[in-house]
Structures are given as C-alpha cells and as structure tokens.
Amino acid sequence: MRSLKPDDYTESWAQCRGFYERALVHEPFFAIPLLVIDWAIARGITNDLYVWRSHDWLVISNRRWEAERADRLIVIPKPDSVELRLYHDAALTQRADIDQSGLVEELDRLVSGFGRATGS
C-alpha cells in the first residue's frame, strides 16, 4: 500500500482546475466542475479527497482512480441540470438530477458520508 502525501490530493484538484479553466472557453457548462472545485476548496476537502476527470465528468473520491473499493461522486454537467451519481465500492447508491441552485447543499450531503482513506 502506498503512503499518501497531502500534496497528492491537492495536486489532483489543481490539475482538474487547470483543465476546466482552459476548457471553459470552448464549453460553458464546464463552469459546473469549476463551481464544484471552488466548493471543495472552501470546505477544505481538497486535502482529504481526490478528484479527476472521466470524459467530461468530474469524479470525487476518497481513493485513487484505480482503487476497487472507494466512495465516488460523479458530477455530470448538463445544459439545464447537474447529474450526481454516488457510488460505494462500484455500486450505484444514489442518483439525482438537480438544478444548479441546489448543487452546494447536495454536494455537502453526499460527500459528508464519504469514508476517509489512506492508500489505494
């Protein structure tokens, strides 16, 4: 098992932020992942959770992308809503299409149940 450094987590957030900032010029709905990244920074979870891109989706997880057992929240921006999918160990446990105005509250609720993990 690999020992994680706080920089491993924060670097994943910085890389995603850079991608979405560049992509926002071409695709306005990439503002949603940037909003989620700002939310994560404000909540201080960027030191405890990973983030990465999968297609155009944002994935927040308590373990690295290759881990089989993990909590994962997938954020899928859509033209008129945001789809959130919560997985626990690869099993879909919740799915919601919400308006952007309710995004922060739903993110708080869903991520609060994440287990904190070390290692992959």
N, C-alpha and C. Protein backbone atom coordinates (compact mmCIF):
# COMPACT_ATOMS: atom_id res chain seq x y z
N MET A 1 0.85 -1.18 0.00
CA MET A 1 0.00 0.00 0.00
C MET A 1 0.89 1.24 0.00
N ARG A 2 0.59 2.15 -0.82
CA ARG A 2 1.37 3.37 -0.99
C ARG A 2 0.95 4.41 0.04
N SER A 3 1.93 5.05 0.65
CA SER A 3 1.64 6.12 1.59
C SER A 3 1.33 7.41 0.82
N LEU A 4 0.28 8.07 1.22
CA LEU A 4 -0.13 9.29 0.52
C LEU A 4 0.39 10.53 1.24
N LYS A 5 0.72 11.50 0.45
CA LYS A 5 1.11 12.81 0.98
C LYS A 5 -0.04 13.77 0.69
N PRO A 6 -0.24 14.78 1.53
CA PRO A 6 -1.30 15.75 1.26
C PRO A 6 -1.21 16.34 -0.14
N ASP A 7 0.01 16.50 -0.65
CA ASP A 7 0.17 17.07 -1.98
C ASP A 7 -0.45 16.21 -3.07
N ASP A 8 -0.53 14.88 -2.86
CA ASP A 8 -1.16 14.00 -3.84
C ASP A 8 -2.62 14.41 -4.06
N TYR A 9 -3.30 14.71 -2.98
CA TYR A 9 -4.69 15.13 -3.07
C TYR A 9 -4.82 16.50 -3.74
N THR A 10 -4.10 17.46 -3.19
CA THR A 10 -4.24 18.84 -3.69
C THR A 10 -3.78 18.97 -5.13
N GLU A 11 -2.79 18.19 -5.53
CA GLU A 11 -2.33 18.24 -6.91
C GLU A 11 -3.43 17.76 -7.86
N SER A 12 -4.20 16.77 -7.46
CA SER A 12 -5.28 16.30 -8.33
C SER A 12 -6.31 17.40 -8.56
N TRP A 13 -6.59 18.19 -7.54
CA TRP A 13 -7.55 19.30 -7.67
C TRP A 13 -6.99 20.40 -8.56
N ALA A 14 -5.69 20.71 -8.39
CA ALA A 14 -5.06 21.75 -9.22
C ALA A 14 -5.06 21.35 -10.70
N GLN A 15 -4.78 20.09 -10.99
CA GLN A 15 -4.77 19.63 -12.38
C GLN A 15 -6.17 19.73 -13.00
N CYS A 16 -7.18 19.34 -12.27
CA CYS A 16 -8.55 19.43 -12.79
C CYS A 16 -8.95 20.88 -13.00
N ARG A 17 -8.62 21.73 -12.05
CA ARG A 17 -8.95 23.15 -12.18
C ARG A 17 -8.34 23.71 -13.46
N GLY A 18 -7.08 23.41 -13.72
CA GLY A 18 -6.42 23.91 -14.93
C GLY A 18 -7.11 23.44 -16.19
N PHE A 19 -7.48 22.16 -16.23
CA PHE A 19 -8.17 21.65 -17.41
C PHE A 19 -9.49 22.37 -17.64
N TYR A 20 -10.32 22.46 -16.59
CA TYR A 20 -11.64 23.07 -16.75
C TYR A 20 -11.56 24.57 -17.04
N GLU A 21 -10.57 25.25 -16.50
CA GLU A 21 -10.42 26.67 -16.82
C GLU A 21 -10.12 26.84 -18.31
N ARG A 22 -9.26 25.99 -18.86
CA ARG A 22 -8.94 26.06 -20.30
C ARG A 22 -10.15 25.66 -21.14
N ALA A 23 -10.87 24.63 -20.71
CA ALA A 23 -12.00 24.11 -21.48
C ALA A 23 -13.21 25.04 -21.44
N LEU A 24 -13.31 25.85 -20.40
CA LEU A 24 -14.46 26.75 -20.24
C LEU A 24 -14.59 27.71 -21.42
N VAL A 25 -13.50 28.06 -22.03
CA VAL A 25 -13.52 28.96 -23.18
C VAL A 25 -14.35 28.36 -24.33
N HIS A 26 -14.31 27.04 -24.46
CA HIS A 26 -14.99 26.35 -25.56
C HIS A 26 -16.34 25.77 -25.18
N GLU A 27 -16.54 25.51 -23.90
CA GLU A 27 -17.77 24.84 -23.47
C GLU A 27 -18.26 25.43 -22.15
N PRO A 28 -19.29 26.27 -22.19
CA PRO A 28 -19.74 26.97 -20.98
C PRO A 28 -20.20 26.06 -19.83
N PHE A 29 -20.68 24.84 -20.12
CA PHE A 29 -21.15 24.05 -18.98
C PHE A 29 -20.00 23.50 -18.14
N PHE A 30 -18.74 23.74 -18.54
CA PHE A 30 -17.61 23.39 -17.69
C PHE A 30 -17.50 24.33 -16.49
N ALA A 31 -18.35 25.33 -16.42
CA ALA A 31 -18.41 26.17 -15.23
C ALA A 31 -18.87 25.35 -14.03
N ILE A 32 -19.67 24.32 -14.25
CA ILE A 32 -20.16 23.48 -13.15
C ILE A 32 -19.01 22.78 -12.44
N PRO A 33 -18.12 22.07 -13.15
CA PRO A 33 -17.00 21.47 -12.43
C PRO A 33 -16.13 22.50 -11.70
N LEU A 34 -15.96 23.67 -12.28
CA LEU A 34 -15.20 24.71 -11.59
C LEU A 34 -15.91 25.15 -10.31
N LEU A 35 -17.22 25.25 -10.35
CA LEU A 35 -18.00 25.57 -9.16
C LEU A 35 -17.81 24.50 -8.09
N VAL A 36 -17.79 23.24 -8.51
CA VAL A 36 -17.59 22.14 -7.56
C VAL A 36 -16.18 22.20 -6.96
N ILE A 37 -15.20 22.51 -7.77
CA ILE A 37 -13.83 22.64 -7.27
C ILE A 37 -13.74 23.79 -6.26
N ASP A 38 -14.37 24.91 -6.55
CA ASP A 38 -14.39 26.03 -5.60
C ASP A 38 -15.07 25.63 -4.29
N TRP A 39 -16.17 24.88 -4.41
CA TRP A 39 -16.87 24.38 -3.23
C TRP A 39 -15.93 23.50 -2.40
N ALA A 40 -15.21 22.61 -3.04
CA ALA A 40 -14.31 21.69 -2.34
C ALA A 40 -13.19 22.44 -1.62
N ILE A 41 -12.65 23.45 -2.29
CA ILE A 41 -11.59 24.26 -1.67
C ILE A 41 -12.15 24.99 -0.45
N ALA A 42 -13.34 25.57 -0.58
CA ALA A 42 -13.95 26.29 0.53
C ALA A 42 -14.25 25.37 1.71
N ARG A 43 -14.58 24.11 1.45
CA ARG A 43 -14.89 23.15 2.51
C ARG A 43 -13.65 22.47 3.08
N GLY A 44 -12.51 22.67 2.43
CA GLY A 44 -11.26 22.06 2.91
C GLY A 44 -11.12 20.59 2.60
N ILE A 45 -11.90 20.07 1.69
CA ILE A 45 -11.82 18.63 1.40
C ILE A 45 -10.74 18.28 0.39
N THR A 46 -10.10 19.29 -0.17
CA THR A 46 -9.06 19.03 -1.16
C THR A 46 -7.81 18.41 -0.54
N ASN A 47 -7.72 18.39 0.77
CA ASN A 47 -6.60 17.74 1.45
C ASN A 47 -6.91 16.30 1.82
N ASP A 48 -8.16 15.86 1.61
CA ASP A 48 -8.58 14.52 2.03
C ASP A 48 -9.15 13.66 0.90
N LEU A 49 -9.55 14.28 -0.19
CA LEU A 49 -10.19 13.55 -1.27
C LEU A 49 -9.50 13.84 -2.60
N TYR A 50 -9.56 12.87 -3.48
CA TYR A 50 -9.03 13.02 -4.83
C TYR A 50 -10.11 13.54 -5.76
N VAL A 51 -9.65 14.04 -6.89
CA VAL A 51 -10.55 14.41 -7.97
C VAL A 51 -9.84 14.08 -9.28
N TRP A 52 -10.63 13.72 -10.28
CA TRP A 52 -10.08 13.52 -11.62
C TRP A 52 -11.21 13.67 -12.62
N ARG A 53 -10.82 13.71 -13.89
CA ARG A 53 -11.79 13.80 -14.98
C ARG A 53 -11.99 12.42 -15.58
N SER A 54 -13.21 12.13 -15.93
CA SER A 54 -13.54 10.94 -16.68
C SER A 54 -14.48 11.41 -17.77
N HIS A 55 -14.00 11.39 -18.99
CA HIS A 55 -14.69 12.04 -20.11
C HIS A 55 -14.79 13.53 -19.77
N ASP A 56 -15.95 14.08 -19.75
CA ASP A 56 -16.12 15.49 -19.34
C ASP A 56 -16.68 15.58 -17.94
N TRP A 57 -16.70 14.48 -17.23
CA TRP A 57 -17.26 14.43 -15.89
C TRP A 57 -16.18 14.64 -14.85
N LEU A 58 -16.60 15.12 -13.71
CA LEU A 58 -15.71 15.30 -12.57
C LEU A 58 -15.99 14.17 -11.58
N VAL A 59 -14.95 13.52 -11.10
CA VAL A 59 -15.10 12.41 -10.16
C VAL A 59 -14.36 12.78 -8.87
N ILE A 60 -15.08 12.74 -7.76
CA ILE A 60 -14.51 12.99 -6.43
C ILE A 60 -14.50 11.64 -5.71
N SER A 61 -13.37 11.31 -5.09
CA SER A 61 -13.27 10.01 -4.46
C SER A 61 -12.37 10.05 -3.23
N ASN A 62 -12.61 9.12 -2.32
CA ASN A 62 -11.75 9.00 -1.15
C ASN A 62 -10.53 8.13 -1.43
N ARG A 63 -10.45 7.58 -2.62
CA ARG A 63 -9.29 6.78 -3.02
C ARG A 63 -8.92 7.10 -4.46
N ARG A 64 -7.71 6.69 -4.84
CA ARG A 64 -7.23 6.95 -6.20
C ARG A 64 -8.11 6.24 -7.22
N TRP A 65 -8.02 6.65 -8.47
CA TRP A 65 -8.92 6.17 -9.53
C TRP A 65 -8.87 4.67 -9.71
N GLU A 66 -7.73 4.03 -9.48
CA GLU A 66 -7.62 2.60 -9.74
C GLU A 66 -8.14 1.73 -8.60
N ALA A 67 -8.49 2.31 -7.48
CA ALA A 67 -8.95 1.54 -6.33
C ALA A 67 -10.29 0.86 -6.64
N GLU A 68 -10.39 -0.38 -6.22
CA GLU A 68 -11.64 -1.12 -6.42
C GLU A 68 -12.68 -0.75 -5.37
N ARG A 69 -12.24 -0.52 -4.16
CA ARG A 69 -13.15 -0.15 -3.08
C ARG A 69 -12.98 1.33 -2.79
N ALA A 70 -14.04 2.09 -3.00
CA ALA A 70 -13.97 3.53 -2.81
C ALA A 70 -15.36 4.13 -2.82
N ASP A 71 -15.47 5.30 -2.22
CA ASP A 71 -16.66 6.13 -2.39
C ASP A 71 -16.35 7.09 -3.53
N ARG A 72 -17.28 7.23 -4.44
CA ARG A 72 -17.08 8.13 -5.58
C ARG A 72 -18.36 8.91 -5.86
N LEU A 73 -18.17 10.20 -6.09
CA LEU A 73 -19.27 11.06 -6.51
C LEU A 73 -18.92 11.57 -7.90
N ILE A 74 -19.78 11.28 -8.85
CA ILE A 74 -19.57 11.72 -10.22
C ILE A 74 -20.49 12.89 -10.50
N VAL A 75 -19.89 13.98 -10.99
CA VAL A 75 -20.62 15.21 -11.30
C VAL A 75 -20.68 15.33 -12.82
N ILE A 76 -21.88 15.31 -13.36
CA ILE A 76 -22.09 15.35 -14.80
C ILE A 76 -22.84 16.63 -15.15
N PRO A 77 -22.15 17.61 -15.72
CA PRO A 77 -22.85 18.84 -16.11
C PRO A 77 -23.74 18.59 -17.33
N LYS A 78 -24.93 19.13 -17.28
CA LYS A 78 -25.88 19.05 -18.39
C LYS A 78 -26.36 20.46 -18.70
N PRO A 79 -26.96 20.66 -19.85
CA PRO A 79 -27.39 22.03 -20.20
C PRO A 79 -28.33 22.68 -19.18
N ASP A 80 -29.26 21.91 -18.60
CA ASP A 80 -30.24 22.51 -17.70
C ASP A 80 -30.20 21.96 -16.28
N SER A 81 -29.25 21.09 -15.99
CA SER A 81 -29.18 20.49 -14.66
C SER A 81 -27.78 19.92 -14.43
N VAL A 82 -27.62 19.34 -13.26
CA VAL A 82 -26.39 18.64 -12.92
C VAL A 82 -26.80 17.26 -12.43
N GLU A 83 -26.22 16.24 -13.03
CA GLU A 83 -26.49 14.88 -12.58
C GLU A 83 -25.40 14.49 -11.59
N LEU A 84 -25.82 13.96 -10.46
CA LEU A 84 -24.89 13.47 -9.44
C LEU A 84 -25.13 11.98 -9.27
N ARG A 85 -24.04 11.22 -9.30
CA ARG A 85 -24.12 9.77 -9.08
C ARG A 85 -23.17 9.42 -7.95
N LEU A 86 -23.68 8.77 -6.93
CA LEU A 86 -22.88 8.36 -5.79
C LEU A 86 -22.69 6.85 -5.85
N TYR A 87 -21.43 6.43 -5.79
CA TYR A 87 -21.09 5.02 -5.82
C TYR A 87 -20.36 4.65 -4.53
N HIS A 88 -20.65 3.48 -4.04
CA HIS A 88 -19.90 2.91 -2.93
C HIS A 88 -19.39 1.56 -3.40
N ASP A 89 -18.08 1.43 -3.50
CA ASP A 89 -17.44 0.21 -3.99
C ASP A 89 -18.05 -0.25 -5.31
N ALA A 90 -18.15 0.64 -6.26
CA ALA A 90 -18.61 0.40 -7.63
C ALA A 90 -20.13 0.19 -7.75
N ALA A 91 -20.85 0.21 -6.65
CA ALA A 91 -22.31 0.05 -6.71
C ALA A 91 -22.96 1.44 -6.64
N LEU A 92 -23.81 1.73 -7.62
CA LEU A 92 -24.55 2.98 -7.61
C LEU A 92 -25.52 2.98 -6.44
N THR A 93 -25.37 3.97 -5.54
CA THR A 93 -26.25 4.02 -4.37
C THR A 93 -27.25 5.16 -4.43
N GLN A 94 -26.91 6.24 -5.17
CA GLN A 94 -27.83 7.35 -5.33
C GLN A 94 -27.58 8.02 -6.67
N ARG A 95 -28.65 8.54 -7.24
CA ARG A 95 -28.55 9.31 -8.48
C ARG A 95 -29.58 10.43 -8.41
N ALA A 96 -29.15 11.63 -8.81
CA ALA A 96 -30.07 12.76 -8.78
C ALA A 96 -29.73 13.73 -9.90
N ASP A 97 -30.76 14.27 -10.52
CA ASP A 97 -30.63 15.40 -11.44
C ASP A 97 -31.14 16.60 -10.67
N ILE A 98 -30.27 17.59 -10.49
CA ILE A 98 -30.68 18.74 -9.70
C ILE A 98 -30.39 20.03 -10.46
N ASP A 99 -31.07 21.05 -10.06
CA ASP A 99 -30.83 22.39 -10.57
C ASP A 99 -29.54 22.91 -9.93
N GLN A 100 -28.83 23.75 -10.65
CA GLN A 100 -27.57 24.30 -10.13
C GLN A 100 -27.75 25.00 -8.79
N SER A 101 -28.91 25.58 -8.56
CA SER A 101 -29.14 26.31 -7.30
C SER A 101 -29.10 25.39 -6.08
N GLY A 102 -29.35 24.11 -6.24
CA GLY A 102 -29.30 23.17 -5.12
C GLY A 102 -28.03 22.34 -5.06
N LEU A 103 -27.08 22.67 -5.91
CA LEU A 103 -25.86 21.86 -6.03
C LEU A 103 -25.04 21.83 -4.74
N VAL A 104 -24.77 22.96 -4.16
CA VAL A 104 -23.90 23.02 -2.98
C VAL A 104 -24.49 22.19 -1.83
N GLU A 105 -25.76 22.32 -1.56
CA GLU A 105 -26.39 21.56 -0.48
C GLU A 105 -26.30 20.06 -0.74
N GLU A 106 -26.51 19.67 -1.99
CA GLU A 106 -26.46 18.25 -2.34
C GLU A 106 -25.03 17.72 -2.25
N LEU A 107 -24.06 18.50 -2.67
CA LEU A 107 -22.66 18.10 -2.54
C LEU A 107 -22.29 17.91 -1.07
N ASP A 108 -22.69 18.86 -0.23
CA ASP A 108 -22.43 18.74 1.21
C ASP A 108 -23.00 17.44 1.76
N ARG A 109 -24.23 17.16 1.39
CA ARG A 109 -24.91 15.97 1.90
C ARG A 109 -24.22 14.69 1.44
N LEU A 110 -23.93 14.60 0.15
CA LEU A 110 -23.37 13.37 -0.39
C LEU A 110 -21.93 13.11 0.05
N VAL A 111 -21.12 14.12 0.07
CA VAL A 111 -19.71 13.94 0.43
C VAL A 111 -19.53 13.73 1.93
N SER A 112 -20.47 14.20 2.73
CA SER A 112 -20.34 14.03 4.19
C SER A 112 -20.31 12.57 4.58
N GLY A 113 -20.85 11.69 3.76
CA GLY A 113 -20.85 10.26 4.06
C GLY A 113 -19.63 9.50 3.58
N PHE A 114 -18.72 10.18 2.92
CA PHE A 114 -17.51 9.52 2.42
C PHE A 114 -16.65 9.06 3.58
N GLY A 115 -16.09 7.87 3.42
CA GLY A 115 -15.07 7.41 4.36
C GLY A 115 -13.75 8.05 3.99
N ARG A 116 -12.94 8.35 4.95
CA ARG A 116 -11.60 8.88 4.68
C ARG A 116 -10.68 7.68 4.50
N ALA A 117 -9.80 7.75 3.54
CA ALA A 117 -8.95 6.61 3.23
C ALA A 117 -7.50 7.04 3.10
N THR A 118 -6.65 6.12 3.39
CA THR A 118 -5.23 6.29 3.06
C THR A 118 -4.86 5.10 2.21
N GLY A 119 -3.99 5.32 1.27
CA GLY A 119 -3.60 4.24 0.37
C GLY A 119 -4.51 4.17 -0.81
N SER A 120 -4.32 3.15 -1.62
CA SER A 120 -5.12 2.99 -2.84
C SER A 120 -6.05 1.89 -2.63
